[in-house]
């Protein structure tokens, strides 16, 4: 069953993936697919999602748990 068929009209899907630029990402056995952010966007669009936004969560992961104003988004991916 496709994710897009489970989401109600106007609903959202929010997900996260490992950082795709780490040197040891190939040896990560906990994830089947580690894709570049552009490839994730293409995949979701191909699966029927109309409005796809792909962005880094924060510069330092999980800072938003301490204070929401620390959840700034860097405008690019750092390879």
N, C-alpha and C. Protein backbone atom coordinates (compact mmCIF):
# COMPACT_ATOMS: atom_id res chain seq x y z
N UNK A 1 0.85 -1.18 0.00
CA UNK A 1 0.00 0.00 0.00
C UNK A 1 0.90 1.24 0.00
N UNK A 2 0.57 2.21 -0.82
CA UNK A 2 1.38 3.42 -0.94
C UNK A 2 1.06 4.41 0.18
N UNK A 3 2.08 5.13 0.60
CA UNK A 3 1.89 6.14 1.66
C UNK A 3 0.89 7.19 1.21
N UNK A 4 0.97 7.60 -0.06
CA UNK A 4 0.08 8.66 -0.53
C UNK A 4 -1.39 8.25 -0.45
N UNK A 5 -1.69 6.97 -0.53
CA UNK A 5 -3.09 6.53 -0.42
C UNK A 5 -3.58 6.50 1.03
N UNK A 6 -2.67 6.53 1.99
CA UNK A 6 -3.05 6.50 3.40
C UNK A 6 -3.28 7.90 3.98
N UNK A 7 -2.77 8.91 3.30
CA UNK A 7 -2.86 10.27 3.81
C UNK A 7 -4.18 10.90 3.35
N UNK A 8 -4.87 11.53 4.28
CA UNK A 8 -6.13 12.20 3.95
C UNK A 8 -5.86 13.43 3.09
N UNK A 9 -6.89 13.92 2.42
CA UNK A 9 -6.80 15.13 1.60
C UNK A 9 -6.26 16.28 2.45
N UNK A 10 -5.21 16.92 1.98
CA UNK A 10 -4.59 18.02 2.72
C UNK A 10 -3.65 17.58 3.82
N UNK A 11 -3.46 16.25 3.97
CA UNK A 11 -2.59 15.73 5.01
C UNK A 11 -1.12 15.88 4.66
N UNK A 12 -0.27 15.59 5.64
CA UNK A 12 1.17 15.72 5.48
C UNK A 12 1.87 14.41 5.77
N UNK A 13 2.98 14.21 5.12
CA UNK A 13 3.90 13.13 5.46
C UNK A 13 5.22 13.80 5.82
N UNK A 14 5.73 13.52 7.02
CA UNK A 14 7.00 14.07 7.46
C UNK A 14 7.90 12.89 7.81
N UNK A 15 9.06 12.85 7.22
CA UNK A 15 9.99 11.75 7.49
C UNK A 15 11.41 12.26 7.58
N UNK A 16 12.29 11.42 8.04
CA UNK A 16 13.70 11.79 8.06
C UNK A 16 14.54 10.60 7.67
N UNK A 17 15.72 10.88 7.17
CA UNK A 17 16.65 9.85 6.72
C UNK A 17 18.04 10.17 7.24
N UNK A 18 18.94 9.21 7.19
CA UNK A 18 20.31 9.49 7.62
C UNK A 18 20.97 10.52 6.70
N UNK A 19 21.95 11.19 7.23
CA UNK A 19 22.72 12.16 6.46
C UNK A 19 23.45 11.42 5.34
N UNK A 20 23.16 11.72 4.07
CA UNK A 20 23.68 10.91 2.97
C UNK A 20 25.13 11.16 2.62
N UNK A 21 25.81 12.08 3.28
CA UNK A 21 27.16 12.43 2.88
C UNK A 21 28.23 11.90 3.84
N UNK A 22 27.84 11.12 4.84
CA UNK A 22 28.82 10.57 5.77
C UNK A 22 29.69 9.52 5.06
N UNK A 23 30.93 9.44 5.45
CA UNK A 23 31.86 8.52 4.80
C UNK A 23 31.51 7.06 5.07
N UNK A 24 30.94 6.76 6.21
CA UNK A 24 30.66 5.36 6.56
C UNK A 24 29.21 4.97 6.30
N UNK A 25 28.50 5.72 5.48
CA UNK A 25 27.08 5.46 5.26
C UNK A 25 26.85 4.12 4.55
N UNK A 26 27.80 3.68 3.75
CA UNK A 26 27.65 2.41 3.04
C UNK A 26 27.59 1.24 4.02
N UNK A 27 28.27 1.36 5.13
CA UNK A 27 28.29 0.27 6.10
C UNK A 27 27.11 0.31 7.08
N UNK A 28 26.21 1.27 6.93
CA UNK A 28 25.05 1.37 7.81
C UNK A 28 24.02 0.32 7.41
N UNK A 29 23.92 -0.75 8.18
CA UNK A 29 22.99 -1.83 7.86
C UNK A 29 21.58 -1.57 8.36
N UNK A 30 21.37 -0.48 9.08
CA UNK A 30 20.04 -0.20 9.63
C UNK A 30 19.11 0.48 8.63
N UNK A 31 19.64 0.91 7.50
CA UNK A 31 18.81 1.58 6.49
C UNK A 31 19.01 0.92 5.14
N UNK A 32 17.91 0.59 4.48
CA UNK A 32 18.00 -0.04 3.17
C UNK A 32 18.36 0.96 2.08
N UNK A 33 17.83 2.18 2.17
CA UNK A 33 18.05 3.18 1.14
C UNK A 33 18.53 4.47 1.78
N UNK A 34 19.71 4.90 1.41
CA UNK A 34 20.22 6.21 1.82
C UNK A 34 20.43 6.98 0.53
N UNK A 35 19.52 7.90 0.25
CA UNK A 35 19.53 8.62 -1.02
C UNK A 35 19.88 10.08 -0.82
N UNK A 36 20.33 10.70 -1.89
CA UNK A 36 20.55 12.15 -1.91
C UNK A 36 19.18 12.82 -1.79
N UNK A 37 19.11 13.98 -1.15
CA UNK A 37 17.82 14.67 -0.98
C UNK A 37 17.05 14.90 -2.28
N UNK A 38 17.75 15.20 -3.36
CA UNK A 38 17.06 15.40 -4.65
C UNK A 38 16.40 14.10 -5.12
N UNK A 39 17.06 12.98 -4.88
CA UNK A 39 16.47 11.69 -5.26
C UNK A 39 15.23 11.36 -4.44
N UNK A 40 15.24 11.72 -3.14
CA UNK A 40 14.03 11.52 -2.33
C UNK A 40 12.88 12.35 -2.88
N UNK A 41 13.16 13.59 -3.26
CA UNK A 41 12.12 14.47 -3.81
C UNK A 41 11.53 13.86 -5.08
N UNK A 42 12.39 13.41 -5.98
CA UNK A 42 11.91 12.78 -7.23
C UNK A 42 11.07 11.55 -6.94
N UNK A 43 11.50 10.75 -5.98
CA UNK A 43 10.78 9.53 -5.64
C UNK A 43 9.37 9.83 -5.12
N UNK A 44 9.25 10.81 -4.23
CA UNK A 44 7.93 11.16 -3.70
C UNK A 44 7.04 11.77 -4.77
N UNK A 45 7.60 12.58 -5.65
CA UNK A 45 6.80 13.15 -6.75
C UNK A 45 6.32 12.05 -7.68
N UNK A 46 7.17 11.07 -7.96
CA UNK A 46 6.78 9.96 -8.82
C UNK A 46 5.68 9.11 -8.18
N UNK A 47 5.65 9.08 -6.85
CA UNK A 47 4.63 8.30 -6.13
C UNK A 47 3.33 9.05 -5.92
N UNK A 48 3.20 10.24 -6.50
CA UNK A 48 1.92 10.93 -6.45
C UNK A 48 1.83 12.10 -5.49
N UNK A 49 2.88 12.42 -4.79
CA UNK A 49 2.85 13.58 -3.91
C UNK A 49 2.95 14.85 -4.75
N UNK A 50 2.07 15.81 -4.49
CA UNK A 50 2.00 17.01 -5.33
C UNK A 50 2.94 18.12 -4.86
N UNK A 51 3.12 18.27 -3.58
CA UNK A 51 3.90 19.37 -3.03
C UNK A 51 4.97 18.77 -2.13
N UNK A 52 6.21 18.72 -2.61
CA UNK A 52 7.29 18.05 -1.88
C UNK A 52 8.35 19.07 -1.49
N UNK A 53 8.65 19.13 -0.20
CA UNK A 53 9.72 19.99 0.30
C UNK A 53 10.75 19.08 0.97
N UNK A 54 11.99 19.23 0.57
CA UNK A 54 13.08 18.47 1.17
C UNK A 54 14.06 19.48 1.75
N UNK A 55 14.33 19.36 3.04
CA UNK A 55 15.26 20.30 3.67
C UNK A 55 15.96 19.63 4.84
N UNK A 56 17.09 20.20 5.21
CA UNK A 56 17.79 19.70 6.39
C UNK A 56 17.00 20.10 7.62
N UNK A 57 17.01 19.25 8.65
CA UNK A 57 16.22 19.55 9.84
C UNK A 57 16.82 20.72 10.62
N UNK A 58 18.05 20.61 11.03
CA UNK A 58 18.75 21.69 11.72
C UNK A 58 20.23 21.52 11.45
N UNK A 59 20.98 22.54 11.78
CA UNK A 59 22.44 22.43 11.65
C UNK A 59 22.96 21.39 12.63
N UNK A 60 22.52 21.47 13.85
CA UNK A 60 22.86 20.46 14.85
C UNK A 60 21.57 19.71 15.19
N UNK A 61 21.51 18.43 14.86
CA UNK A 61 20.26 17.68 15.06
C UNK A 61 19.73 17.76 16.49
N UNK A 62 18.44 17.85 16.59
CA UNK A 62 17.68 17.82 17.84
C UNK A 62 17.82 19.05 18.73
N UNK A 63 18.39 20.13 18.21
CA UNK A 63 18.40 21.37 19.00
C UNK A 63 16.99 21.87 19.26
N UNK A 64 16.06 21.55 18.36
CA UNK A 64 14.68 21.99 18.52
C UNK A 64 14.05 21.42 19.78
N UNK A 65 14.59 20.32 20.30
CA UNK A 65 14.05 19.76 21.54
C UNK A 65 14.36 20.65 22.73
N UNK A 66 15.45 21.40 22.66
CA UNK A 66 15.82 22.31 23.74
C UNK A 66 15.01 23.59 23.64
N UNK A 67 14.97 24.17 22.45
CA UNK A 67 14.23 25.41 22.24
C UNK A 67 13.84 25.51 20.78
N UNK A 68 12.57 25.77 20.48
CA UNK A 68 12.09 25.80 19.10
C UNK A 68 12.75 26.86 18.24
N UNK A 69 13.21 27.97 18.83
CA UNK A 69 13.84 28.99 18.00
C UNK A 69 15.23 28.57 17.53
N UNK A 70 15.76 27.47 18.04
CA UNK A 70 17.05 26.96 17.56
C UNK A 70 16.87 26.04 16.37
N UNK A 71 15.65 25.86 15.90
CA UNK A 71 15.39 24.99 14.76
C UNK A 71 15.55 25.78 13.47
N UNK A 72 16.73 26.31 13.25
CA UNK A 72 16.98 27.03 12.00
C UNK A 72 17.41 26.02 10.94
N UNK A 73 17.08 26.33 9.71
CA UNK A 73 17.38 25.44 8.60
C UNK A 73 18.51 26.04 7.79
N UNK A 74 19.55 25.25 7.56
CA UNK A 74 20.60 25.74 6.68
C UNK A 74 20.10 25.61 5.25
N UNK A 75 20.39 26.58 4.38
CA UNK A 75 19.80 26.59 3.04
C UNK A 75 20.49 25.65 2.05
N UNK A 76 21.38 24.81 2.50
CA UNK A 76 22.09 23.91 1.59
C UNK A 76 22.53 22.67 2.37
N UNK A 77 22.94 21.67 1.64
CA UNK A 77 23.44 20.44 2.26
C UNK A 77 24.96 20.49 2.25
N UNK A 78 25.57 20.10 3.33
CA UNK A 78 27.02 20.13 3.44
C UNK A 78 27.55 18.72 3.18
N UNK A 79 28.14 18.50 2.01
CA UNK A 79 28.67 17.15 1.71
C UNK A 79 29.95 16.86 2.46
